[in-house]
PDB file of N, CA and C in Angstrom:
ATOM      1  N   MET A   1      24.474  11.354  47.075  1.00  0.00           N
ATOM      2  CA  MET A   1      25.018  12.610  47.543  1.00  0.00           C
ATOM      3  C   MET A   1      26.524  12.685  47.260  1.00  0.00           C
ATOM      4  N   ASP A   2      27.175  11.529  47.066  1.00  0.00           N
ATOM      5  CA  ASP A   2      28.609  11.534  46.790  1.00  0.00           C
ATOM      6  C   ASP A   2      28.945  12.166  45.440  1.00  0.00           C
ATOM      7  N   LEU A   3      27.975  12.263  44.547  1.00  0.00           N
ATOM      8  CA  LEU A   3      28.236  12.867  43.242  1.00  0.00           C
ATOM      9  C   LEU A   3      28.222  14.386  43.275  1.00  0.00           C
ATOM     10  N   VAL A   4      27.763  14.962  44.379  1.00  0.00           N
ATOM     11  CA  VAL A   4      27.661  16.421  44.503  1.00  0.00           C
ATOM     12  C   VAL A   4      28.943  16.968  45.112  1.00  0.00           C
ATOM     13  N   LYS A   5      29.484  18.039  44.503  1.00  0.00           N
ATOM     14  CA  LYS A   5      30.696  18.675  45.030  1.00  0.00           C
ATOM     15  C   LYS A   5      30.463  19.133  46.465  1.00  0.00           C
ATOM     16  N   PRO A   6      31.492  19.047  47.297  1.00  0.00           N
ATOM     17  CA  PRO A   6      31.334  19.424  48.709  1.00  0.00           C
ATOM     18  C   PRO A   6      30.730  20.804  48.938  1.00  0.00           C
ATOM     19  N   ASN A   7      31.119  21.794  48.140  1.00  0.00           N
ATOM     20  CA  ASN A   7      30.590  23.143  48.355  1.00  0.00           C
ATOM     21  C   ASN A   7      29.146  23.295  47.879  1.00  0.00           C
ATOM     22  N   ASN A   8      28.568  22.280  47.227  1.00  0.00           N
ATOM     23  CA  ASN A   8      27.178  22.320  46.788  1.00  0.00           C
ATOM     24  C   ASN A   8      26.294  21.350  47.568  1.00  0.00           C
ATOM     25  N   LYS A   9      26.871  20.619  48.520  1.00  0.00           N
ATOM     26  CA  LYS A   9      26.087  19.616  49.239  1.00  0.00           C
ATOM     27  C   LYS A   9      24.925  20.220  50.010  1.00  0.00           C
ATOM     28  N   LYS A  10      25.094  21.425  50.546  1.00  0.00           N
ATOM     29  CA  LYS A  10      23.987  22.038  51.300  1.00  0.00           C
ATOM     30  C   LYS A  10      22.793  22.306  50.386  1.00  0.00           C
ATOM     31  N   ASP A  11      23.031  22.555  49.098  1.00  0.00           N
ATOM     32  CA  ASP A  11      21.937  22.781  48.143  1.00  0.00           C
ATOM     33  C   ASP A  11      21.152  21.497  47.875  1.00  0.00           C
ATOM     34  N   ALA A  12      21.810  20.345  47.977  1.00  0.00           N
ATOM     35  CA  ALA A  12      21.177  19.063  47.670  1.00  0.00           C
ATOM     36  C   ALA A  12      20.755  18.300  48.927  1.00  0.00           C
ATOM     37  N   GLU A  13      21.002  18.880  50.078  1.00  0.00           N
ATOM     38  CA  GLU A  13      20.701  18.210  51.342  1.00  0.00           C
ATOM     39  C   GLU A  13      19.217  17.881  51.451  1.00  0.00           C
ATOM     40  N   GLY A  14      18.901  16.655  51.856  1.00  0.00           N
ATOM     41  CA  GLY A  14      17.532  16.223  52.056  1.00  0.00           C
ATOM     42  C   GLY A  14      16.818  15.768  50.797  1.00  0.00           C
ATOM     43  N   MET A  15      17.487  15.803  49.649  1.00  0.00           N
ATOM     44  CA  MET A  15      16.859  15.388  48.394  1.00  0.00           C
ATOM     45  C   MET A  15      16.912  13.878  48.249  1.00  0.00           C
ATOM     46  N   SER A  16      15.936  13.328  47.554  1.00  0.00           N
ATOM     47  CA  SER A  16      15.961  11.911  47.197  1.00  0.00           C
ATOM     48  C   SER A  16      16.974  11.719  46.068  1.00  0.00           C
ATOM     49  N   ASP A  17      17.300  10.470  45.758  1.00  0.00           N
ATOM     50  CA  ASP A  17      18.241  10.207  44.664  1.00  0.00           C
ATOM     51  C   ASP A  17      17.731  10.803  43.352  1.00  0.00           C
ATOM     52  N   ALA A  18      16.439  10.648  43.080  1.00  0.00           N
ATOM     53  CA  ALA A  18      15.867  11.176  41.841  1.00  0.00           C
ATOM     54  C   ALA A  18      15.961  12.698  41.803  1.00  0.00           C
ATOM     55  N   GLU A  19      15.724  13.348  42.941  1.00  0.00           N
ATOM     56  CA  GLU A  19      15.826  14.810  43.005  1.00  0.00           C
ATOM     57  C   GLU A  19      17.265  15.270  42.808  1.00  0.00           C
ATOM     58  N   ILE A  20      18.227  14.523  43.372  1.00  0.00           N
ATOM     59  CA  ILE A  20      19.647  14.870  43.184  1.00  0.00           C
ATOM     60  C   ILE A  20      20.028  14.756  41.719  1.00  0.00           C
ATOM     61  N   ILE A  21      19.550  13.724  41.050  1.00  0.00           N
ATOM     62  CA  ILE A  21      19.849  13.550  39.624  1.00  0.00           C
ATOM     63  C   ILE A  21      19.290  14.725  38.829  1.00  0.00           C
ATOM     64  N   ARG A  22      18.062  15.125  39.123  1.00  0.00           N
ATOM     65  CA  ARG A  22      17.482  16.290  38.439  1.00  0.00           C
ATOM     66  C   ARG A  22      18.274  17.556  38.760  1.00  0.00           C
ATOM     67  N   PHE A  23      18.675  17.728  40.027  1.00  0.00           N
ATOM     68  CA  PHE A  23      19.474  18.878  40.441  1.00  0.00           C
ATOM     69  C   PHE A  23      20.787  18.931  39.668  1.00  0.00           C
ATOM     70  N   LEU A  24      21.479  17.788  39.563  1.00  0.00           N
ATOM     71  CA  LEU A  24      22.759  17.754  38.865  1.00  0.00           C
ATOM     72  C   LEU A  24      22.589  17.971  37.364  1.00  0.00           C
ATOM     73  N   ALA A  25      21.496  17.482  36.800  1.00  0.00           N
ATOM     74  CA  ALA A  25      21.231  17.706  35.373  1.00  0.00           C
ATOM     75  C   ALA A  25      21.018  19.197  35.100  1.00  0.00           C
ATOM     76  N   ALA A  26      20.364  19.875  36.037  1.00  0.00           N
ATOM     77  CA  ALA A  26      20.110  21.313  35.880  1.00  0.00           C
ATOM     78  C   ALA A  26      21.304  22.167  36.286  1.00  0.00           C
ATOM     79  N   ASN A  27      22.213  21.605  37.099  1.00  0.00           N
ATOM     80  CA  ASN A  27      23.373  22.337  37.623  1.00  0.00           C
ATOM     81  C   ASN A  27      24.645  21.513  37.426  1.00  0.00           C
ATOM     82  N   PRO A  28      25.093  21.340  36.194  1.00  0.00           N
ATOM     83  CA  PRO A  28      26.234  20.452  35.938  1.00  0.00           C
ATOM     84  C   PRO A  28      27.522  20.851  36.654  1.00  0.00           C
ATOM     85  N   ASN A  29      27.666  22.112  37.029  1.00  0.00           N
ATOM     86  CA  ASN A  29      28.863  22.530  37.756  1.00  0.00           C
ATOM     87  C   ASN A  29      28.876  22.021  39.188  1.00  0.00           C
ATOM     88  N   ALA A  30      27.754  21.466  39.657  1.00  0.00           N
ATOM     89  CA  ALA A  30      27.677  20.918  41.007  1.00  0.00           C
ATOM     90  C   ALA A  30      28.145  19.468  41.068  1.00  0.00           C
ATOM     91  N   VAL A  31      28.428  18.863  39.898  1.00  0.00           N
ATOM     92  CA  VAL A  31      28.877  17.471  39.856  1.00  0.00           C
ATOM     93  C   VAL A  31      30.317  17.380  40.330  1.00  0.00           C
ATOM     94  N   ARG A  32      30.541  16.435  41.224  1.00  0.00           N
ATOM     95  CA  ARG A  32      31.902  16.203  41.703  1.00  0.00           C
ATOM     96  C   ARG A  32      32.671  15.511  40.589  1.00  0.00           C
ATOM     97  N   ARG A  33      33.832  16.032  40.274  1.00  0.00           N
ATOM     98  CA  ARG A  33      34.651  15.468  39.200  1.00  0.00           C
ATOM     99  C   ARG A  33      36.040  15.167  39.703  1.00  0.00           C
ATOM    100  N   PRO A  34      36.808  14.313  39.150  1.00  0.00           N
ATOM    101  CA  PRO A  34      36.392  13.397  38.105  1.00  0.00           C
ATOM    102  C   PRO A  34      35.618  12.211  38.681  1.00  0.00           C
ATOM    103  N   ILE A  35      34.847  11.580  37.818  1.00  0.00           N
ATOM    104  CA  ILE A  35      34.200  10.313  38.159  1.00  0.00           C
ATOM    105  C   ILE A  35      34.907   9.274  37.300  1.00  0.00           C
ATOM    106  N   ILE A  36      35.609   8.355  37.941  1.00  0.00           N
ATOM    107  CA  ILE A  36      36.393   7.351  37.218  1.00  0.00           C
ATOM    108  C   ILE A  36      35.861   5.964  37.562  1.00  0.00           C
ATOM    109  N   ASP A  37      35.467   5.226  36.529  1.00  0.00           N
ATOM    110  CA  ASP A  37      34.971   3.857  36.702  1.00  0.00           C
ATOM    111  C   ASP A  37      35.932   2.926  35.969  1.00  0.00           C
ATOM    112  N   THR A  38      36.671   2.123  36.734  1.00  0.00           N
ATOM    113  CA  THR A  38      37.631   1.200  36.130  1.00  0.00           C
ATOM    114  C   THR A  38      36.992  -0.141  35.788  1.00  0.00           C
ATOM    115  N   GLY A  39      35.709  -0.291  36.095  1.00  0.00           N
ATOM    116  CA  GLY A  39      35.047  -1.573  35.909  1.00  0.00           C
ATOM    117  C   GLY A  39      35.010  -2.376  37.198  1.00  0.00           C
ATOM    118  N   LYS A  40      35.935  -2.071  38.097  1.00  0.00           N
ATOM    119  CA  LYS A  40      35.993  -2.719  39.403  1.00  0.00           C
ATOM    120  C   LYS A  40      35.857  -1.714  40.535  1.00  0.00           C
ATOM    121  N   VAL A  41      36.329  -0.488  40.291  1.00  0.00           N
ATOM    122  CA  VAL A  41      36.337   0.545  41.324  1.00  0.00           C
ATOM    123  C   VAL A  41      35.764   1.830  40.734  1.00  0.00           C
ATOM    124  N   LEU A  42      34.888   2.488  41.507  1.00  0.00           N
ATOM    125  CA  LEU A  42      34.361   3.791  41.128  1.00  0.00           C
ATOM    126  C   LEU A  42      34.930   4.808  42.095  1.00  0.00           C
ATOM    127  N   THR A  43      35.606   5.837  41.588  1.00  0.00           N
ATOM    128  CA  THR A  43      36.174   6.866  42.448  1.00  0.00           C
ATOM    129  C   THR A  43      35.578   8.220  42.073  1.00  0.00           C
ATOM    130  N   LEU A  44      35.493   9.088  43.068  1.00  0.00           N
ATOM    131  CA  LEU A  44      34.917  10.411  42.879  1.00  0.00           C
ATOM    132  C   LEU A  44      35.860  11.463  43.415  1.00  0.00           C
ATOM    133  N   GLY A  45      36.139  12.475  42.621  1.00  0.00           N
ATOM    134  CA  GLY A  45      36.910  13.608  43.100  1.00  0.00           C
ATOM    135  C   GLY A  45      38.409  13.432  43.037  1.00  0.00           C
ATOM    136  N   PHE A  46      39.092  14.411  43.631  1.00  0.00           N
ATOM    137  CA  PHE A  46      40.552  14.479  43.603  1.00  0.00           C
ATOM    138  C   PHE A  46      41.179  14.160  44.957  1.00  0.00           C
ATOM    139  N   THR A  47      40.403  13.599  45.858  1.00  0.00           N
ATOM    140  CA  THR A  47      40.895  13.361  47.206  1.00  0.00           C
ATOM    141  C   THR A  47      42.034  12.347  47.221  1.00  0.00           C
ATOM    142  N   PRO A  48      42.890  12.382  48.239  1.00  0.00           N
ATOM    143  CA  PRO A  48      43.949  11.378  48.362  1.00  0.00           C
ATOM    144  C   PRO A  48      43.365   9.956  48.433  1.00  0.00           C
ATOM    145  N   GLU A  49      42.206   9.814  49.066  1.00  0.00           N
ATOM    146  CA  GLU A  49      41.584   8.492  49.151  1.00  0.00           C
ATOM    147  C   GLU A  49      41.181   7.967  47.773  1.00  0.00           C
ATOM    148  N   ALA A  50      40.656   8.862  46.941  1.00  0.00           N
ATOM    149  CA  ALA A  50      40.254   8.469  45.578  1.00  0.00           C
ATOM    150  C   ALA A  50      41.486   8.074  44.766  1.00  0.00           C
ATOM    151  N   ARG A  51      42.556   8.836  44.895  1.00  0.00           N
ATOM    152  CA  ARG A  51      43.790   8.500  44.160  1.00  0.00           C
ATOM    153  C   ARG A  51      44.385   7.198  44.649  1.00  0.00           C
ATOM    154  N   ALA A  52      44.311   6.931  45.939  1.00  0.00           N
ATOM    155  CA  ALA A  52      44.864   5.685  46.487  1.00  0.00           C
ATOM    156  C   ALA A  52      44.130   4.468  45.931  1.00  0.00           C
ATOM    157  N   LYS A  53      42.826   4.581  45.706  1.00  0.00           N
ATOM    158  CA  LYS A  53      42.052   3.473  45.139  1.00  0.00           C
ATOM    159  C   LYS A  53      42.519   3.118  43.735  1.00  0.00           C
ATOM    160  N   LEU A  54      43.078   4.105  43.028  1.00  0.00           N
ATOM    161  CA  LEU A  54      43.514   3.898  41.642  1.00  0.00           C
ATOM    162  C   LEU A  54      44.963   3.450  41.529  1.00  0.00           C
ATOM    163  N   ALA A  55      45.713   3.554  42.605  1.00  0.00           N
ATOM    164  CA  ALA A  55      47.131   3.188  42.582  1.00  0.00           C
ATOM    165  C   ALA A  55      47.270   1.676  42.375  1.00  0.00           C
ATOM    166  N   PRO A  56      48.296   1.273  41.620  1.00  0.00           N
ATOM    167  CA  PRO A  56      48.491  -0.168  41.390  1.00  0.00           C
ATOM    168  C   PRO A  56      48.849  -0.934  42.654  1.00  0.00           C
TER     169      PRO A  56
END
């Protein structure tokens, strides 16, 4: 559910992981961006918490 943008979470509520993946494939604008994988840390979105994880 963390991959779904906050304003689209109600649309994906109650779905299994497989259903969410299908939902996001059919509705790419519902994907929370950016998704950054540094190899050690995965961050989602533009939140201050996500940016703090990336700070040196």
